[in-house]
Protein backbone atom coordinates (compact mmCIF):
# COMPACT_ATOMS: atom_id res chain seq x y z
CA MET A 1 18.87 152.49 193.68
CA THR A 2 17.45 152.44 190.14
CA LEU A 3 19.06 155.45 188.48
CA ARG A 4 19.42 155.29 184.71
CA THR A 5 22.81 155.85 183.06
CA ALA A 6 23.09 159.36 181.63
CA ARG A 7 24.27 159.41 178.01
CA ARG A 8 23.19 162.54 176.16
CA SER A 9 25.04 165.85 176.05
CA SER A 10 23.15 167.75 178.75
CA LEU A 11 24.46 165.51 181.49
CA VAL A 12 23.91 167.91 184.34
CA ASP A 13 20.23 168.35 183.46
CA GLN A 14 19.80 164.59 183.15
CA VAL A 15 21.44 163.97 186.50
CA ILE A 16 19.29 166.71 188.10
CA ASP A 17 16.18 164.99 186.72
CA GLN A 18 17.27 161.59 187.97
CA LEU A 19 18.20 162.80 191.44
CA ARG A 20 14.92 164.70 191.65
CA SER A 21 13.08 161.49 190.73
CA GLU A 22 14.74 159.65 193.60
CA ILE A 23 13.53 162.38 195.95
CA THR A 24 9.98 162.83 194.67
CA GLY A 25 9.56 159.08 194.24
CA GLY A 26 10.38 158.42 197.89
CA THR A 27 13.61 156.48 197.38
CA TRP A 28 15.29 159.23 199.37
CA PRO A 29 12.65 160.42 201.86
CA LEU A 30 12.61 163.73 203.68
CA GLY A 31 15.57 163.91 206.04
CA ALA A 32 17.47 161.07 204.37
CA LYS A 33 21.14 161.29 203.56
CA ILE A 34 21.78 160.77 199.85
CA PRO A 35 24.68 158.62 198.56
CA ALA A 36 28.10 160.23 198.54
CA GLU A 37 29.40 161.95 195.43
CA PRO A 38 31.74 159.11 194.37
CA VAL A 39 28.89 156.58 194.66
CA LEU A 40 26.54 158.71 192.56
CA SER A 41 29.27 159.30 190.00
CA GLU A 42 29.91 155.59 189.60
CA THR A 43 26.21 154.66 189.58
CA LEU A 44 25.33 157.25 186.94
CA GLY A 45 28.44 156.79 184.85
CA VAL A 46 29.28 160.50 184.88
CA GLY A 47 32.09 162.59 186.31
CA ARG A 48 32.10 163.84 189.84
CA ASN A 49 31.97 167.45 188.61
CA THR A 50 28.68 166.68 186.87
CA VAL A 51 27.27 165.18 190.04
CA ARG A 52 28.54 168.12 192.05
CA GLU A 53 26.81 170.61 189.74
CA ALA A 54 23.54 168.68 189.87
CA VAL A 55 23.62 168.48 193.66
CA ARG A 56 24.42 172.19 193.85
CA ALA A 57 21.43 172.99 191.63
CA LEU A 58 19.07 170.93 193.78
CA THR A 59 20.52 172.52 196.90
CA HIS A 60 19.84 175.96 195.44
CA ALA A 61 16.29 174.82 194.63
CA GLY A 62 15.81 173.88 198.27
CA LEU A 63 15.49 170.11 197.83
CA LEU A 64 18.88 169.23 199.26
CA GLU A 65 20.98 170.56 202.12
CA SER A 66 24.74 170.13 202.31
CA ARG A 67 26.15 169.73 205.82
CA GLN A 68 29.85 170.40 206.10
CA GLY A 69 31.75 167.26 207.04
CA ASP A 70 28.58 165.16 207.19
CA GLY A 71 27.00 164.84 203.75
CA THR A 72 23.96 165.95 201.80
CA TYR A 73 20.41 165.46 203.04
CA VAL A 74 16.93 165.72 201.56
CA ARG A 75 15.46 168.97 202.82
CA ALA A 76 12.23 169.09 200.77
CA VAL A 77 10.44 166.78 198.35
CA SER A 78 9.68 169.37 195.67
CA GLU A 79 10.85 172.80 194.55
CA LEU A 80 7.56 174.20 195.80
CA SER A 81 7.97 172.76 199.28
CA GLY A 82 11.56 174.01 199.35
CA ALA A 83 10.45 177.53 198.44
CA VAL A 84 7.58 177.42 200.95
CA ARG A 85 9.88 176.23 203.70
CA ARG A 86 12.41 178.98 203.02
CA ARG A 87 9.66 181.61 203.11
CA LEU A 88 8.10 180.29 206.29
CA GLU A 89 11.41 180.18 208.13
CA THR A 90 11.15 183.96 208.51
CA ALA A 91 7.39 184.11 209.06
CA GLU A 92 5.67 184.90 212.33
CA LEU A 93 3.80 182.04 213.99
CA VAL A 94 0.54 183.95 213.70
CA GLU A 95 1.07 184.33 209.93
CA ILE A 96 1.61 180.59 209.53
CA LEU A 97 -1.48 179.85 211.60
CA GLU A 98 -3.61 182.22 209.53
CA VAL A 99 -2.60 180.41 206.34
CA ARG A 100 -3.14 177.09 208.07
CA ARG A 101 -6.67 178.18 208.98
CA GLY A 102 -7.39 178.97 205.35
CA PHE A 103 -6.24 175.53 204.24
CA GLU A 104 -8.01 173.57 206.95
CA VAL A 105 -11.36 175.38 206.97
CA GLU A 106 -11.74 174.87 203.24
CA ALA A 107 -10.54 171.28 203.58
CA ALA A 108 -13.17 170.54 206.22
CA ARG A 109 -15.88 172.00 203.99
CA LEU A 110 -14.87 169.91 200.99
CA ALA A 111 -14.30 166.80 203.11
CA ALA A 112 -17.84 166.99 204.48
CA GLU A 113 -19.12 167.01 200.91
CA ARG A 114 -16.83 164.34 199.43
CA ARG A 115 -15.75 161.97 202.21
CA THR A 116 -15.89 158.24 201.57
CA PRO A 117 -16.21 155.44 204.14
CA GLU A 118 -12.45 154.93 203.80
CA ASP A 119 -11.84 158.63 204.51
CA ILE A 120 -14.03 158.49 207.61
CA ALA A 121 -12.11 155.45 208.86
CA ALA A 122 -8.78 157.24 208.34
CA ILE A 123 -10.00 160.39 210.11
CA THR A 124 -11.41 158.36 213.02
CA THR A 125 -8.17 156.43 213.44
CA ALA A 126 -6.09 159.61 213.28
CA LEU A 127 -8.33 161.27 215.87
CA ALA A 128 -7.95 158.32 218.27
CA GLU A 129 -4.16 158.40 217.89
CA ARG A 130 -4.13 162.15 218.43
CA ASN A 131 -6.20 161.86 221.61
CA ALA A 132 -4.04 159.01 222.91
CA ALA A 133 -0.85 161.01 222.33
CA TRP A 134 -2.33 163.98 224.18
CA ALA A 135 -3.43 161.81 227.11
CA ALA A 136 0.04 160.26 227.30
CA GLY A 137 1.64 163.70 227.47
CA ASP A 138 4.04 162.88 224.63
CA HIS A 139 4.40 166.24 222.93
CA ALA A 140 6.50 165.07 219.96
CA VAL A 141 4.12 162.22 219.16
CA PHE A 142 1.14 164.54 219.64
CA VAL A 143 2.45 167.01 217.07
CA GLU A 144 2.77 164.24 214.47
CA ALA A 145 -0.63 162.79 215.39
CA ASP A 146 -2.33 166.18 215.19
CA LEU A 147 -0.86 166.80 211.76
CA ALA A 148 -1.88 163.29 210.67
CA PHE A 149 -5.48 164.07 211.65
CA HIS A 150 -5.58 167.27 209.61
CA THR A 151 -3.83 165.55 206.71
CA ALA A 152 -6.52 162.85 206.75
CA VAL A 153 -9.16 165.59 206.53
CA VAL A 154 -7.34 167.20 203.60
CA ASP A 155 -7.04 163.82 201.87
CA ALA A 156 -10.82 163.45 202.18
CA THR A 157 -11.28 166.48 199.92
CA HIS A 158 -9.98 164.45 196.97
CA ASN A 159 -8.52 167.69 195.65
CA ARG A 160 -5.02 166.83 194.49
CA VAL A 161 -3.82 170.42 194.33
CA LEU A 162 -4.98 171.14 197.88
CA THR A 163 -3.46 167.86 199.09
CA ASP A 164 -0.10 168.60 197.47
CA LEU A 165 -0.01 172.17 198.76
CA TYR A 166 -0.91 171.04 202.27
CA ARG A 167 1.83 168.43 202.30
CA ASP A 168 4.34 171.02 201.10
CA PHE A 169 3.21 173.20 204.00
CA SER A 170 3.55 170.37 206.52
CA ALA A 171 7.07 171.15 207.76
CA ALA A 172 6.00 174.60 208.90
CA LEU A 173 2.78 173.15 210.28
CA ARG A 174 4.77 170.85 212.54
CA ALA A 175 6.43 173.89 214.05
CA SER A 176 3.16 175.80 214.38
CA ILE A 177 1.36 172.86 215.99
CA GLY A 178 4.21 172.40 218.43
CA ALA A 179 4.39 176.07 219.32
CA ALA A 180 0.62 176.36 219.59
CA GLY A 181 0.57 173.40 221.96
CA ILE A 182 3.00 175.19 224.24
CA LEU A 183 1.07 178.45 224.01
CA LEU A 184 -2.16 176.72 224.93
CA GLU A 185 -0.47 175.48 228.10
CA HIS A 186 -1.77 171.96 227.70
CA ALA A 187 -5.40 173.01 227.10
CA ASP A 188 -6.27 170.71 224.19
CA VAL A 189 -8.58 171.99 221.46
CA PRO A 190 -11.15 169.20 220.86
CA HIS A 191 -11.11 167.85 217.32
CA GLY A 192 -14.00 165.41 217.76
CA PRO A 193 -16.57 167.93 216.47
CA ILE A 194 -14.62 168.28 213.23
CA ALA A 195 -14.57 164.53 212.66
CA SER A 196 -18.22 164.12 213.59
CA ALA A 197 -19.38 166.90 211.27
CA ILE A 198 -17.39 165.50 208.35
CA GLU A 199 -18.78 162.02 208.97
CA ALA A 200 -22.32 163.45 209.05
CA GLY A 201 -21.73 165.36 205.85
CA ASP A 202 -22.60 168.60 207.64
CA VAL A 203 -20.67 171.25 205.72
CA THR A 204 -21.72 174.13 207.99
CA ALA A 205 -20.78 172.31 211.20
CA ALA A 206 -17.46 171.05 209.77
CA THR A 207 -16.50 174.56 208.71
CA ALA A 208 -17.56 176.09 212.01
CA ALA A 209 -15.76 173.47 214.12
CA THR A 210 -12.52 173.88 212.20
CA HIS A 211 -12.78 177.66 212.31
CA ALA A 212 -13.35 177.54 216.08
CA CYS A 213 -10.36 175.23 216.54
CA LEU A 214 -7.95 177.47 214.64
CA ASP A 215 -9.42 180.64 216.15
CA GLN A 216 -8.66 179.31 219.63
CA ILE A 217 -5.11 178.47 218.65
CA LEU A 218 -4.67 181.87 216.99
CA ALA A 219 -6.03 183.65 220.05
CA SER A 220 -3.32 182.00 222.14
CA THR A 221 -0.62 183.59 219.97
CA LYS A 222 -1.82 187.17 220.35
CA PRO A 223 0.51 188.13 223.22
CA ARG A 224 3.45 186.94 221.16
CA VAL A 225 2.79 188.91 217.99
CA ARG A 226 5.43 191.57 217.41
CA THR A 227 4.17 195.15 217.43
CA THR A 228 7.29 196.78 216.00
């Protein structure tokens, strides 16, 4: 770990900044358990109370999660993703899918305009892995592969704000992809047309294919939408 030693008066703020850097920089990835309080205290050269306050602040911000008797884990990689995750925990599946459609339709449109040969290669590889996971019947792997495909499309937009927002949304997307897969009762929604349209630079076809994909998934949720 490469934390700096905190020296100035606002120790808690400095420790918050340093712990946040370890999270956003990938030293402590999503789901990782952070070092124990005594270890952080010794590494930073500050008191345990200071560390405790900093951890509490990041927990309140949604980046960390304290598990009684186990330790503290990384729950989100930014304040934004923490806030998004908290909000989506109480959202209906159909609401999440509607927002997902907005992200992915616009991403497909921009990707068709801006894709590079490297982007096309990444999308093609992700599509092959997605199809292989579906054929193998491995639901958990399929969910990750499906999200990787859509993330590759978003990356091809070369819009950093859209990319960051989509990645912050990814935890909820995992749940929506998984639930949608169950609702579709193993009827896969082909993603080849999306990849082909983006590769061809056909904005209209890329938008239509993505819209059709999400519309089919949304249609499968209709019986499960609450009416009260």
